[in-house]
PDB file of N, CA and C in Angstrom:
ATOM      1  N   UNK A   1      92.916  87.166 195.587  1.00  0.00           N
ATOM      2  CA  UNK A   1      93.257  87.592 196.601  1.00  0.00           C
ATOM      3  C   UNK A   1      95.021  86.868 196.868  1.00  0.00           C
ATOM      4  N   UNK A   2      94.951  85.543 196.451  1.00  0.00           N
ATOM      5  CA  UNK A   2      95.895  84.664 197.177  1.00  0.00           C
ATOM      6  C   UNK A   2      97.185  84.871 195.946  1.00  0.00           C
ATOM      7  N   UNK A   3      96.703  85.088 194.536  1.00  0.00           N
ATOM      8  CA  UNK A   3      97.049  85.417 193.623  1.00  0.00           C
ATOM      9  C   UNK A   3      98.355  86.922 194.018  1.00  0.00           C
ATOM     10  N   UNK A   4      97.173  87.768 194.447  1.00  0.00           N
ATOM     11  CA  UNK A   4      98.672  89.108 194.832  1.00  0.00           C
ATOM     12  C   UNK A   4      99.435  88.787 195.894  1.00  0.00           C
ATOM     13  N   UNK A   5      98.779  87.834 196.870  1.00  0.00           N
ATOM     14  CA  UNK A   5      99.519  87.830 197.722  1.00  0.00           C
ATOM     15  C   UNK A   5     101.155  86.595 197.640  1.00  0.00           C
ATOM     16  N   UNK A   6     100.848  85.575 196.559  1.00  0.00           N
ATOM     17  CA  UNK A   6     101.902  84.869 196.066  1.00  0.00           C
ATOM     18  C   UNK A   6     102.604  85.675 195.366  1.00  0.00           C
ATOM     19  N   UNK A   7     102.409  86.412 194.447  1.00  0.00           N
ATOM     20  CA  UNK A   7     103.059  87.520 193.611  1.00  0.00           C
ATOM     21  C   UNK A   7     104.068  88.466 194.439  1.00  0.00           C
ATOM     22  N   UNK A   8     103.601  89.009 195.406  1.00  0.00           N
ATOM     23  CA  UNK A   8     104.364  89.846 196.523  1.00  0.00           C
ATOM     24  C   UNK A   8     105.437  89.092 197.587  1.00  0.00           C
ATOM     25  N   UNK A   9     104.608  87.769 197.594  1.00  0.00           N
ATOM     26  CA  UNK A   9     106.016  86.587 198.171  1.00  0.00           C
ATOM     27  C   UNK A   9     107.055  86.436 197.925  1.00  0.00           C
ATOM     28  N   UNK A  10     107.049  86.197 196.202  1.00  0.00           N
ATOM     29  CA  UNK A  10     107.838  86.088 195.302  1.00  0.00           C
ATOM     30  C   UNK A  10     108.926  87.189 195.058  1.00  0.00           C
ATOM     31  N   UNK A  11     107.968  88.307 195.164  1.00  0.00           N
ATOM     32  CA  UNK A  11     108.676  89.644 195.060  1.00  0.00           C
ATOM     33  C   UNK A  11     109.956  89.532 195.428  1.00  0.00           C
ATOM     34  N   UNK A  12     109.304  89.708 196.723  1.00  0.00           N
ATOM     35  CA  UNK A  12     109.984  90.058 198.168  1.00  0.00           C
ATOM     36  C   UNK A  12     111.457  88.665 198.209  1.00  0.00           C
ATOM     37  N   UNK A  13     111.039  87.928 197.777  1.00  0.00           N
ATOM     38  CA  UNK A  13     112.243  86.899 198.220  1.00  0.00           C
ATOM     39  C   UNK A  13     113.122  87.134 197.450  1.00  0.00           C
ATOM     40  N   UNK A  14     112.713  87.624 195.880  1.00  0.00           N
ATOM     41  CA  UNK A  14     113.849  87.768 195.316  1.00  0.00           C
ATOM     42  C   UNK A  14     114.931  88.801 195.597  1.00  0.00           C
ATOM     43  N   UNK A  15     114.352  89.840 196.240  1.00  0.00           N
ATOM     44  CA  UNK A  15     114.448  90.910 196.694  1.00  0.00           C
ATOM     45  C   UNK A  15     115.431  90.628 197.558  1.00  0.00           C
ATOM     46  N   UNK A  16     115.504  89.543 198.883  1.00  0.00           N
ATOM     47  CA  UNK A  16     116.172  89.342 199.784  1.00  0.00           C
ATOM     48  C   UNK A  16     117.104  88.631 199.309  1.00  0.00           C
ATOM     49  N   UNK A  17     116.757  87.780 198.260  1.00  0.00           N
ATOM     50  CA  UNK A  17     117.573  86.654 197.857  1.00  0.00           C
ATOM     51  C   UNK A  17     118.795  87.755 196.598  1.00  0.00           C
ATOM     52  N   UNK A  18     118.608  88.682 196.489  1.00  0.00           N
ATOM     53  CA  UNK A  18     119.527  89.440 195.949  1.00  0.00           C
ATOM     54  C   UNK A  18     120.382  90.520 196.518  1.00  0.00           C
ATOM     55  N   UNK A  19     119.794  90.817 197.889  1.00  0.00           N
ATOM     56  CA  UNK A  19     120.231  91.647 198.931  1.00  0.00           C
ATOM     57  C   UNK A  19     121.479  90.380 199.650  1.00  0.00           C
ATOM     58  N   UNK A  20     120.679  89.540 199.356  1.00  0.00           N
ATOM     59  CA  UNK A  20     122.173  88.145 200.094  1.00  0.00           C
ATOM     60  C   UNK A  20     123.277  88.597 199.360  1.00  0.00           C
ATOM     61  N   UNK A  21     123.154  88.233 198.056  1.00  0.00           N
ATOM     62  CA  UNK A  21     123.859  87.990 196.795  1.00  0.00           C
ATOM     63  C   UNK A  21     124.855  89.450 196.682  1.00  0.00           C
ATOM     64  N   UNK A  22     124.462  90.474 196.967  1.00  0.00           N
ATOM     65  CA  UNK A  22     125.089  91.775 197.053  1.00  0.00           C
ATOM     66  C   UNK A  22     125.679  92.006 198.510  1.00  0.00           C
ATOM     67  N   UNK A  23     125.346  91.284 199.345  1.00  0.00           N
ATOM     68  CA  UNK A  23     126.437  91.418 201.039  1.00  0.00           C
ATOM     69  C   UNK A  23     127.525  90.150 200.531  1.00  0.00           C
ATOM     70  N   UNK A  24     127.457  89.024 199.888  1.00  0.00           N
ATOM     71  CA  UNK A  24     128.275  87.799 199.749  1.00  0.00           C
ATOM     72  C   UNK A  24     129.763  88.633 199.042  1.00  0.00           C
ATOM     73  N   UNK A  25     128.865  89.029 197.592  1.00  0.00           N
ATOM     74  CA  UNK A  25     129.985  90.203 197.096  1.00  0.00           C
ATOM     75  C   UNK A  25     130.586  91.284 197.570  1.00  0.00           C
ATOM     76  N   UNK A  26     130.115  91.743 198.318  1.00  0.00           N
ATOM     77  CA  UNK A  26     130.580  93.180 198.913  1.00  0.00           C
ATOM     78  C   UNK A  26     131.711  92.409 200.134  1.00  0.00           C
ATOM     79  N   UNK A  27     131.103  91.391 200.884  1.00  0.00           N
ATOM     80  CA  UNK A  27     132.632  90.799 201.845  1.00  0.00           C
ATOM     81  C   UNK A  27     133.581  90.511 200.707  1.00  0.00           C
ATOM     82  N   UNK A  28     133.497  90.000 199.842  1.00  0.00           N
ATOM     83  CA  UNK A  28     134.363  89.224 199.259  1.00  0.00           C
ATOM     84  C   UNK A  28     135.315  90.383 198.870  1.00  0.00           C
ATOM     85  N   UNK A  29     134.984  91.373 198.187  1.00  0.00           N
ATOM     86  CA  UNK A  29     135.776  92.199 197.735  1.00  0.00           C
ATOM     87  C   UNK A  29     136.416  93.140 198.759  1.00  0.00           C
ATOM     88  N   UNK A  30     135.472  93.272 200.039  1.00  0.00           N
ATOM     89  CA  UNK A  30     136.124  93.900 200.986  1.00  0.00           C
ATOM     90  C   UNK A  30     137.659  93.172 201.298  1.00  0.00           C
ATOM     91  N   UNK A  31     137.431  91.709 201.675  1.00  0.00           N
ATOM     92  CA  UNK A  31     138.642  90.945 201.917  1.00  0.00           C
ATOM     93  C   UNK A  31     139.631  91.230 201.526  1.00  0.00           C
ATOM     94  N   UNK A  32     139.569  91.516 199.939  1.00  0.00           N
ATOM     95  CA  UNK A  32     140.261  91.487 198.832  1.00  0.00           C
ATOM     96  C   UNK A  32     141.222  92.623 199.367  1.00  0.00           C
ATOM     97  N   UNK A  33     140.540  93.636 199.769  1.00  0.00           N
ATOM     98  CA  UNK A  33     140.842  95.032 199.692  1.00  0.00           C
ATOM     99  C   UNK A  33     141.631  94.998 200.843  1.00  0.00           C
ATOM    100  N   UNK A  34     141.173  95.005 201.973  1.00  0.00           N
ATOM    101  CA  UNK A  34     141.877  94.455 203.259  1.00  0.00           C
ATOM    102  C   UNK A  34     143.397  93.836 203.236  1.00  0.00           C
ATOM    103  N   UNK A  35     143.251  92.749 202.428  1.00  0.00           N
ATOM    104  CA  UNK A  35     144.745  92.312 202.024  1.00  0.00           C
ATOM    105  C   UNK A  35     145.538  92.890 201.282  1.00  0.00           C
ATOM    106  N   UNK A  36     145.217  93.388 199.840  1.00  0.00           N
ATOM    107  CA  UNK A  36     145.868  94.312 199.528  1.00  0.00           C
ATOM    108  C   UNK A  36     146.542  95.436 200.025  1.00  0.00           C
ATOM    109  N   UNK A  37     145.887  96.093 201.052  1.00  0.00           N
ATOM    110  CA  UNK A  37     146.022  97.016 201.857  1.00  0.00           C
ATOM    111  C   UNK A  37     147.059  96.751 203.095  1.00  0.00           C
ATOM    112  N   UNK A  38     147.042  95.560 203.450  1.00  0.00           N
ATOM    113  CA  UNK A  38     147.495  95.520 204.528  1.00  0.00           C
ATOM    114  C   UNK A  38     148.730  95.067 203.932  1.00  0.00           C
ATOM    115  N   UNK A  39     148.906  94.245 202.907  1.00  0.00           N
ATOM    116  CA  UNK A  39     150.351  94.130 202.281  1.00  0.00           C
ATOM    117  C   UNK A  39     151.221  95.190 201.465  1.00  0.00           C
ATOM    118  N   UNK A  40     150.316  96.387 201.199  1.00  0.00           N
ATOM    119  CA  UNK A  40     151.025  97.481 201.026  1.00  0.00           C
ATOM    120  C   UNK A  40     151.473  98.174 202.041  1.00  0.00           C
ATOM    121  N   UNK A  41     150.718  98.433 203.142  1.00  0.00           N
ATOM    122  CA  UNK A  41     151.014  99.559 204.482  1.00  0.00           C
ATOM    123  C   UNK A  41     151.433  98.297 205.444  1.00  0.00           C
ATOM    124  N   UNK A  42     152.578  97.840 205.444  1.00  0.00           N
ATOM    125  CA  UNK A  42     152.878  96.942 206.658  1.00  0.00           C
ATOM    126  C   UNK A  42     153.723  97.486 207.794  1.00  0.00           C
ATOM    127  N   UNK A  43     153.353  99.384 207.374  1.00  0.00           N
ATOM    128  CA  UNK A  43     154.058  99.887 208.573  1.00  0.00           C
ATOM    129  C   UNK A  43     153.443  99.685 209.905  1.00  0.00           C
ATOM    130  N   UNK A  44     151.874  99.632 209.997  1.00  0.00           N
ATOM    131  CA  UNK A  44     151.582  99.636 211.295  1.00  0.00           C
ATOM    132  C   UNK A  44     149.942  98.826 211.267  1.00  0.00           C
ATOM    133  N   UNK A  45     149.435  98.347 212.102  1.00  0.00           N
ATOM    134  CA  UNK A  45     148.112  97.562 211.408  1.00  0.00           C
ATOM    135  C   UNK A  45     147.014  98.582 211.609  1.00  0.00           C
ATOM    136  N   UNK A  46     147.403  99.958 212.467  1.00  0.00           N
ATOM    137  CA  UNK A  46     146.391 101.240 212.123  1.00  0.00           C
ATOM    138  C   UNK A  46     146.676 101.887 210.964  1.00  0.00           C
ATOM    139  N   UNK A  47     147.502 101.816 210.684  1.00  0.00           N
ATOM    140  CA  UNK A  47     147.807 102.741 209.316  1.00  0.00           C
ATOM    141  C   UNK A  47     147.218 101.533 208.143  1.00  0.00           C
ATOM    142  N   UNK A  48     147.275 100.509 208.214  1.00  0.00           N
ATOM    143  CA  UNK A  48     146.813  99.567 207.371  1.00  0.00           C
ATOM    144  C   UNK A  48     145.037  99.596 207.654  1.00  0.00           C
ATOM    145  N   UNK A  49     144.263  99.648 208.536  1.00  0.00           N
ATOM    146  CA  UNK A  49     143.336  99.969 208.683  1.00  0.00           C
ATOM    147  C   UNK A  49     142.389 100.953 208.531  1.00  0.00           C
ATOM    148  N   UNK A  50     143.656 102.297 208.499  1.00  0.00           N
ATOM    149  CA  UNK A  50     143.323 103.573 207.786  1.00  0.00           C
ATOM    150  C   UNK A  50     142.912 103.716 206.128  1.00  0.00           C
ATOM    151  N   UNK A  51     143.903 102.920 205.724  1.00  0.00           N
ATOM    152  CA  UNK A  51     144.231 102.991 204.366  1.00  0.00           C
ATOM    153  C   UNK A  51     143.147 101.875 203.849  1.00  0.00           C
ATOM    154  N   UNK A  52     142.445 100.778 204.515  1.00  0.00           N
ATOM    155  CA  UNK A  52     141.573 100.032 204.111  1.00  0.00           C
ATOM    156  C   UNK A  52     139.866 100.759 204.300  1.00  0.00           C
ATOM    157  N   UNK A  53     140.078 101.404 205.401  1.00  0.00           N
ATOM    158  CA  UNK A  53     138.601 102.175 205.218  1.00  0.00           C
ATOM    159  C   UNK A  53     138.559 103.276 204.488  1.00  0.00           C
ATOM    160  N   UNK A  54     139.620 104.227 203.922  1.00  0.00           N
ATOM    161  CA  UNK A  54     139.910 104.839 203.185  1.00  0.00           C
ATOM    162  C   UNK A  54     139.230 104.808 201.869  1.00  0.00           C
ATOM    163  N   UNK A  55     140.175 103.414 201.142  1.00  0.00           N
ATOM    164  CA  UNK A  55     139.997 102.209 199.990  1.00  0.00           C
ATOM    165  C   UNK A  55     138.271 102.139 199.530  1.00  0.00           C
ATOM    166  N   UNK A  56     137.585 101.474 200.992  1.00  0.00           N
ATOM    167  CA  UNK A  56     136.244 100.807 200.711  1.00  0.00           C
ATOM    168  C   UNK A  56     135.209 102.132 200.993  1.00  0.00           C
ATOM    169  N   UNK A  57     135.676 103.424 201.334  1.00  0.00           N
ATOM    170  CA  UNK A  57     135.065 104.526 201.538  1.00  0.00           C
ATOM    171  C   UNK A  57     134.587 105.297 200.096  1.00  0.00           C
ATOM    172  N   UNK A  58     136.173 105.626 199.891  1.00  0.00           N
ATOM    173  CA  UNK A  58     135.955 105.823 197.865  1.00  0.00           C
ATOM    174  C   UNK A  58     135.353 104.927 197.224  1.00  0.00           C
ATOM    175  N   UNK A  59     135.966 103.643 197.252  1.00  0.00           N
ATOM    176  CA  UNK A  59     134.649 102.606 196.360  1.00  0.00           C
ATOM    177  C   UNK A  59     133.342 102.577 196.286  1.00  0.00           C
ATOM    178  N   UNK A  60     133.181 103.147 197.774  1.00  0.00           N
ATOM    179  CA  UNK A  60     131.044 102.595 197.804  1.00  0.00           C
ATOM    180  C   UNK A  60     130.718 104.147 197.422  1.00  0.00           C
ATOM    181  N   UNK A  61     131.757 104.977 197.499  1.00  0.00           N
ATOM    182  CA  UNK A  61     130.940 106.094 197.269  1.00  0.00           C
ATOM    183  C   UNK A  61     131.158 106.797 195.574  1.00  0.00           C
ATOM    184  N   UNK A  62     131.691 106.144 195.213  1.00  0.00           N
ATOM    185  CA  UNK A  62     131.835 105.946 193.711  1.00  0.00           C
ATOM    186  C   UNK A  62     130.742 104.747 193.297  1.00  0.00           C
ATOM    187  N   UNK A  63     130.433 104.078 193.772  1.00  0.00           N
ATOM    188  CA  UNK A  63     129.118 102.697 193.562  1.00  0.00           C
ATOM    189  C   UNK A  63     128.285 103.742 193.597  1.00  0.00           C
ATOM    190  N   UNK A  64     128.479 104.442 194.799  1.00  0.00           N
ATOM    191  CA  UNK A  64     126.807 104.947 195.260  1.00  0.00           C
ATOM    192  C   UNK A  64     126.368 105.917 194.175  1.00  0.00           C
ATOM    193  N   UNK A  65     127.398 106.868 193.230  1.00  0.00           N
ATOM    194  CA  UNK A  65     127.343 107.912 192.666  1.00  0.00           C
ATOM    195  C   UNK A  65     126.940 107.060 191.062  1.00  0.00           C
ATOM    196  N   UNK A  66     127.841 106.028 190.790  1.00  0.00           N
ATOM    197  CA  UNK A  66     127.484 105.321 189.699  1.00  0.00           C
ATOM    198  C   UNK A  66     125.797 105.020 189.427  1.00  0.00           C
ATOM    199  N   UNK A  67     125.312 104.526 190.542  1.00  0.00           N
ATOM    200  CA  UNK A  67     124.025 103.752 190.495  1.00  0.00           C
ATOM    201  C   UNK A  67     122.955 104.789 190.723  1.00  0.00           C
ATOM    202  N   UNK A  68     123.102 105.649 191.659  1.00  0.00           N
ATOM    203  CA  UNK A  68     122.109 107.233 191.722  1.00  0.00           C
ATOM    204  C   UNK A  68     121.785 107.807 190.500  1.00  0.00           C
TER     205      UNK A  68
END
């Protein structure tokens, strides 16, 4: 009973750590994409955010398709 609990606890902790690293990676890439798009589209902040949203959506959908 205790061994099973310890095994499940370790499994849950690994899953949580992997998710945390995944979010960290996603935030770093998001910042890079935002900077690039803002430099690319200096016309207006709204257009820059629109391009950023489109770029992140396309990258995310492609990532989901690859993983699935």
